[in-house]
N, C-alpha and C. Protein backbone atom coordinates (compact mmCIF):
# COMPACT_ATOMS: atom_id res chain seq x y z
N MET A 1 48.91 -44.54 -90.44
CA MET A 1 47.74 -44.44 -90.99
C MET A 1 46.61 -45.00 -90.92
N THR A 2 45.58 -44.19 -91.11
CA THR A 2 44.10 -45.33 -91.38
C THR A 2 43.94 -45.66 -92.11
N HIS A 3 42.76 -46.82 -92.44
CA HIS A 3 42.53 -47.32 -93.94
C HIS A 3 41.46 -46.86 -94.11
N PHE A 4 40.51 -46.56 -92.91
CA PHE A 4 38.89 -46.63 -93.00
C PHE A 4 38.77 -45.08 -92.99
N LEU A 5 39.16 -44.47 -91.42
CA LEU A 5 38.60 -43.63 -91.05
C LEU A 5 39.19 -42.15 -91.73
N VAL A 6 38.33 -41.11 -91.88
CA VAL A 6 38.61 -39.97 -92.55
C VAL A 6 39.75 -39.07 -91.99
N ASN A 7 40.41 -38.92 -92.45
CA ASN A 7 41.90 -38.24 -91.97
C ASN A 7 42.52 -37.32 -93.36
N ALA A 8 43.67 -36.60 -92.93
CA ALA A 8 44.22 -35.76 -94.04
C ALA A 8 44.65 -36.41 -95.25
N GLU A 9 45.46 -37.84 -95.00
CA GLU A 9 45.53 -38.55 -95.98
C GLU A 9 44.48 -39.27 -96.47
N ASN A 10 43.44 -39.31 -95.82
CA ASN A 10 42.07 -40.21 -96.26
C ASN A 10 40.82 -39.41 -96.29
N PRO A 11 40.80 -38.27 -96.89
CA PRO A 11 39.76 -37.43 -97.05
C PRO A 11 38.50 -37.84 -97.37
N GLY A 12 38.62 -39.54 -97.85
CA GLY A 12 37.30 -39.78 -98.62
C GLY A 12 36.78 -40.86 -97.28
N GLY A 13 37.68 -40.94 -96.27
CA GLY A 13 37.07 -41.80 -94.95
C GLY A 13 36.06 -41.68 -94.83
N TYR A 14 35.97 -42.81 -93.55
CA TYR A 14 34.28 -42.67 -92.93
C TYR A 14 34.54 -42.41 -91.64
N LYS A 15 33.38 -41.49 -90.67
CA LYS A 15 33.46 -41.16 -89.52
C LYS A 15 33.35 -42.61 -88.57
N LEU A 16 34.05 -42.61 -87.59
CA LEU A 16 33.72 -43.99 -86.82
C LEU A 16 32.63 -44.33 -86.62
N GLU A 17 31.78 -43.63 -86.41
CA GLU A 17 30.50 -43.60 -86.11
C GLU A 17 29.51 -44.48 -87.11
N GLU A 18 30.13 -43.89 -88.52
CA GLU A 18 29.40 -44.62 -89.82
C GLU A 18 29.83 -46.04 -89.94
N ILE A 19 31.12 -46.17 -89.92
CA ILE A 19 31.53 -47.77 -89.72
C ILE A 19 30.93 -48.80 -89.12
N LEU A 20 30.62 -48.08 -87.56
CA LEU A 20 29.88 -48.85 -86.45
C LEU A 20 28.42 -48.74 -86.69
N MET A 21 27.86 -48.09 -87.46
CA MET A 21 26.75 -48.20 -87.63
C MET A 21 26.53 -49.21 -88.99
N ALA A 22 27.45 -49.13 -90.04
CA ALA A 22 27.11 -50.27 -90.78
C ALA A 22 27.81 -51.86 -90.06
N ILE A 23 28.32 -51.93 -89.41
CA ILE A 23 29.04 -53.23 -88.62
C ILE A 23 27.47 -53.72 -88.17
N ARG A 24 26.94 -52.73 -87.33
CA ARG A 24 25.56 -53.02 -86.55
C ARG A 24 24.72 -53.47 -87.55
N LYS A 25 24.23 -52.89 -88.60
CA LYS A 25 23.44 -53.52 -89.66
C LYS A 25 23.74 -54.62 -89.95
N GLU A 26 24.94 -55.24 -90.39
CA GLU A 26 25.33 -56.35 -90.62
C GLU A 26 24.89 -57.55 -89.80
N VAL A 27 25.13 -57.09 -88.53
CA VAL A 27 24.95 -57.84 -87.31
C VAL A 27 23.75 -58.31 -86.90
N ILE A 28 22.83 -57.15 -87.44
CA ILE A 28 21.15 -57.43 -87.31
C ILE A 28 20.82 -58.26 -88.46
N LEU A 29 20.92 -57.91 -89.39
CA LEU A 29 20.85 -58.82 -90.52
C LEU A 29 21.27 -60.47 -90.45
N ARG A 30 22.20 -60.31 -89.83
CA ARG A 30 22.95 -62.20 -89.69
C ARG A 30 21.88 -62.70 -88.41
N ALA A 31 21.68 -61.89 -87.78
CA ALA A 31 20.99 -62.32 -86.31
C ALA A 31 19.60 -62.59 -86.99
N THR A 32 19.12 -61.86 -87.99
CA THR A 32 17.77 -62.10 -87.98
C THR A 32 17.48 -63.65 -89.07
N LYS A 33 18.69 -64.02 -89.53
CA LYS A 33 18.92 -65.39 -90.31
C LYS A 33 18.95 -66.60 -89.08
N ILE A 34 19.39 -66.17 -88.23
CA ILE A 34 19.35 -67.58 -87.23
C ILE A 34 18.32 -67.57 -86.22
N VAL A 35 17.60 -66.50 -85.96
CA VAL A 35 16.56 -66.26 -84.99
C VAL A 35 15.77 -67.36 -84.78
N ASP A 36 15.38 -68.26 -85.65
CA ASP A 36 14.18 -69.46 -85.50
C ASP A 36 15.25 -70.74 -85.49
N ASP A 37 16.57 -70.92 -85.68
CA ASP A 37 17.34 -71.94 -85.43
C ASP A 37 17.11 -72.26 -84.04
N HIS A 38 16.52 -73.41 -83.52
CA HIS A 38 16.66 -73.44 -82.12
C HIS A 38 17.58 -74.36 -81.72
N ARG A 39 18.66 -74.59 -82.64
CA ARG A 39 20.00 -75.50 -81.60
C ARG A 39 20.78 -74.56 -80.92
N PRO A 40 21.25 -75.40 -79.73
CA PRO A 40 21.45 -74.44 -78.71
C PRO A 40 23.17 -73.95 -79.50
N GLU A 41 23.66 -74.06 -80.34
CA GLU A 41 24.71 -73.12 -80.86
C GLU A 41 24.23 -71.65 -81.70
N ALA A 42 22.97 -72.13 -82.09
CA ALA A 42 22.63 -70.71 -82.82
C ALA A 42 22.12 -69.74 -81.78
N HIS A 43 21.49 -70.39 -80.56
CA HIS A 43 21.09 -69.51 -79.66
C HIS A 43 22.11 -68.73 -79.27
N GLN A 44 23.30 -69.80 -78.58
CA GLN A 44 24.52 -69.10 -77.92
C GLN A 44 24.83 -68.21 -78.76
N VAL A 45 25.06 -68.29 -80.45
CA VAL A 45 25.51 -67.30 -81.70
C VAL A 45 24.82 -65.97 -81.38
N LEU A 46 23.17 -66.23 -81.36
CA LEU A 46 22.11 -64.78 -81.45
C LEU A 46 22.25 -64.03 -80.05
N GLU A 47 22.56 -64.95 -78.85
CA GLU A 47 22.89 -64.13 -77.60
C GLU A 47 24.04 -63.76 -77.96
N ASN A 48 25.25 -63.80 -78.07
CA ASN A 48 26.46 -63.02 -78.45
C ASN A 48 26.25 -62.10 -79.05
N ASN A 49 25.53 -62.27 -80.39
CA ASN A 49 25.49 -61.12 -81.38
C ASN A 49 24.26 -60.17 -80.52
N ILE A 50 23.18 -60.48 -79.43
CA ILE A 50 22.71 -59.35 -78.92
C ILE A 50 23.78 -58.39 -77.91
N LYS A 51 24.57 -59.12 -77.21
CA LYS A 51 25.37 -58.38 -76.73
C LYS A 51 26.15 -57.64 -77.50
N ILE A 52 26.75 -57.94 -78.57
CA ILE A 52 27.72 -57.19 -79.21
C ILE A 52 26.82 -56.09 -79.84
N LEU A 53 25.42 -55.88 -80.09
CA LEU A 53 25.03 -55.22 -80.90
C LEU A 53 24.62 -53.91 -79.74
N GLN A 54 24.65 -54.03 -78.45
CA GLN A 54 24.40 -53.11 -77.40
C GLN A 54 25.99 -52.45 -77.12
N LEU A 55 26.95 -53.35 -76.86
CA LEU A 55 28.17 -52.42 -77.52
C LEU A 55 28.64 -51.79 -78.60
N LEU A 56 27.93 -52.18 -79.55
CA LEU A 56 28.03 -51.29 -80.94
C LEU A 56 27.47 -50.13 -80.87
N SER A 57 25.86 -49.98 -80.27
CA SER A 57 25.01 -49.01 -79.95
C SER A 57 25.82 -48.18 -79.05
N ASP A 58 26.46 -48.61 -77.76
CA ASP A 58 27.08 -47.51 -77.26
C ASP A 58 28.51 -46.75 -77.51
N SER A 59 29.15 -47.72 -78.23
CA SER A 59 30.19 -47.23 -79.25
C SER A 59 29.85 -46.18 -80.26
N ILE A 60 28.43 -46.67 -81.20
CA ILE A 60 28.18 -45.51 -81.65
C ILE A 60 27.98 -43.98 -80.73
N MET A 61 27.44 -44.03 -79.69
CA MET A 61 26.55 -42.86 -79.03
C MET A 61 27.99 -42.31 -78.66
N LEU A 62 29.29 -42.98 -78.19
CA LEU A 62 30.41 -42.57 -77.84
C LEU A 62 31.07 -41.65 -78.88
N ALA A 63 30.79 -41.98 -80.07
CA ALA A 63 31.57 -41.55 -81.24
C ALA A 63 31.07 -40.19 -81.93
N GLU A 64 29.53 -40.40 -81.30
CA GLU A 64 28.98 -39.39 -81.84
C GLU A 64 28.84 -38.20 -81.09
N ASP A 65 29.12 -38.47 -79.79
CA ASP A 65 29.69 -37.59 -78.47
C ASP A 65 30.85 -37.04 -79.17
N SER A 66 31.77 -37.60 -79.45
CA SER A 66 33.22 -37.21 -79.73
C SER A 66 33.01 -36.15 -80.81
N SER A 67 32.01 -36.47 -82.11
CA SER A 67 31.83 -35.48 -82.96
C SER A 67 31.43 -34.53 -82.60
N ARG A 68 30.55 -34.32 -82.11
CA ARG A 68 30.10 -33.14 -81.24
C ARG A 68 30.83 -32.53 -80.75
N ILE A 69 31.88 -33.18 -79.52
CA ILE A 69 32.46 -32.04 -78.98
C ILE A 69 33.41 -31.36 -79.90
N LEU A 70 34.12 -32.14 -80.80
CA LEU A 70 35.00 -31.93 -81.83
C LEU A 70 34.49 -30.71 -82.55
N ASP A 71 33.27 -30.78 -82.95
CA ASP A 71 32.75 -29.66 -84.08
C ASP A 71 32.26 -28.58 -83.11
N LYS A 72 31.67 -28.74 -82.07
CA LYS A 72 31.24 -27.27 -81.24
C LYS A 72 32.69 -26.48 -80.93
N THR A 73 33.74 -27.40 -80.42
CA THR A 73 35.04 -26.59 -79.87
C THR A 73 35.99 -26.17 -81.24
N PHE A 74 35.78 -27.16 -82.14
CA PHE A 74 36.85 -26.53 -83.04
C PHE A 74 36.07 -26.00 -84.37
N GLY A 75 34.97 -26.57 -84.64
CA GLY A 75 34.73 -26.58 -85.94
C GLY A 75 34.61 -27.64 -86.91
N PRO A 76 34.54 -27.18 -88.38
CA PRO A 76 34.97 -28.10 -89.22
C PRO A 76 36.39 -28.73 -89.17
N PRO A 77 36.87 -29.48 -89.64
CA PRO A 77 38.56 -30.02 -90.03
C PRO A 77 38.80 -29.00 -91.18
N LYS A 78 40.04 -28.24 -91.03
CA LYS A 78 40.58 -27.27 -92.08
C LYS A 78 41.60 -27.77 -92.66
N ASP A 79 41.78 -27.76 -94.05
CA ASP A 79 43.18 -27.88 -94.61
C ASP A 79 44.08 -29.10 -94.16
N GLY A 80 42.97 -30.23 -94.24
CA GLY A 80 43.57 -31.41 -93.67
C GLY A 80 44.47 -31.68 -92.34
N GLN A 81 44.06 -30.66 -91.43
CA GLN A 81 45.01 -30.61 -90.10
C GLN A 81 44.06 -31.41 -88.99
N PRO A 82 44.62 -31.96 -88.20
CA PRO A 82 43.96 -32.70 -87.06
C PRO A 82 43.30 -31.36 -85.91
N ARG A 83 42.20 -31.69 -85.36
CA ARG A 83 41.42 -30.45 -84.83
C ARG A 83 42.39 -30.65 -83.12
N ILE A 84 42.47 -31.63 -83.20
CA ILE A 84 43.31 -31.84 -81.95
C ILE A 84 44.39 -33.05 -81.48
N GLY A 85 45.25 -33.39 -81.08
CA GLY A 85 46.48 -33.95 -81.13
C GLY A 85 47.69 -33.72 -82.27
N THR A 86 48.23 -34.60 -82.39
CA THR A 86 49.38 -34.05 -83.42
C THR A 86 49.31 -34.39 -84.72
N GLY A 87 49.71 -34.02 -85.65
CA GLY A 87 49.51 -34.74 -86.81
C GLY A 87 50.10 -35.51 -87.40
């Protein structure tokens, strides 16, 4: 059972892309707080965050693509049943 993603047991959950967007926003906010810190450690953390942001953006695009495929092929979820795979 998932704790965050929407499914039959968790209809109030989130789409994967929504969670990833929220995480991306937090990383951006944290990065802006260290952008003027010129210590080497801060530079490395900032560089890591920039790489993480790109990976998150790529992941968001993949998750949105999967949602489009599911919506186009199977329509909206019905009666809490999975649109693909097994329940």
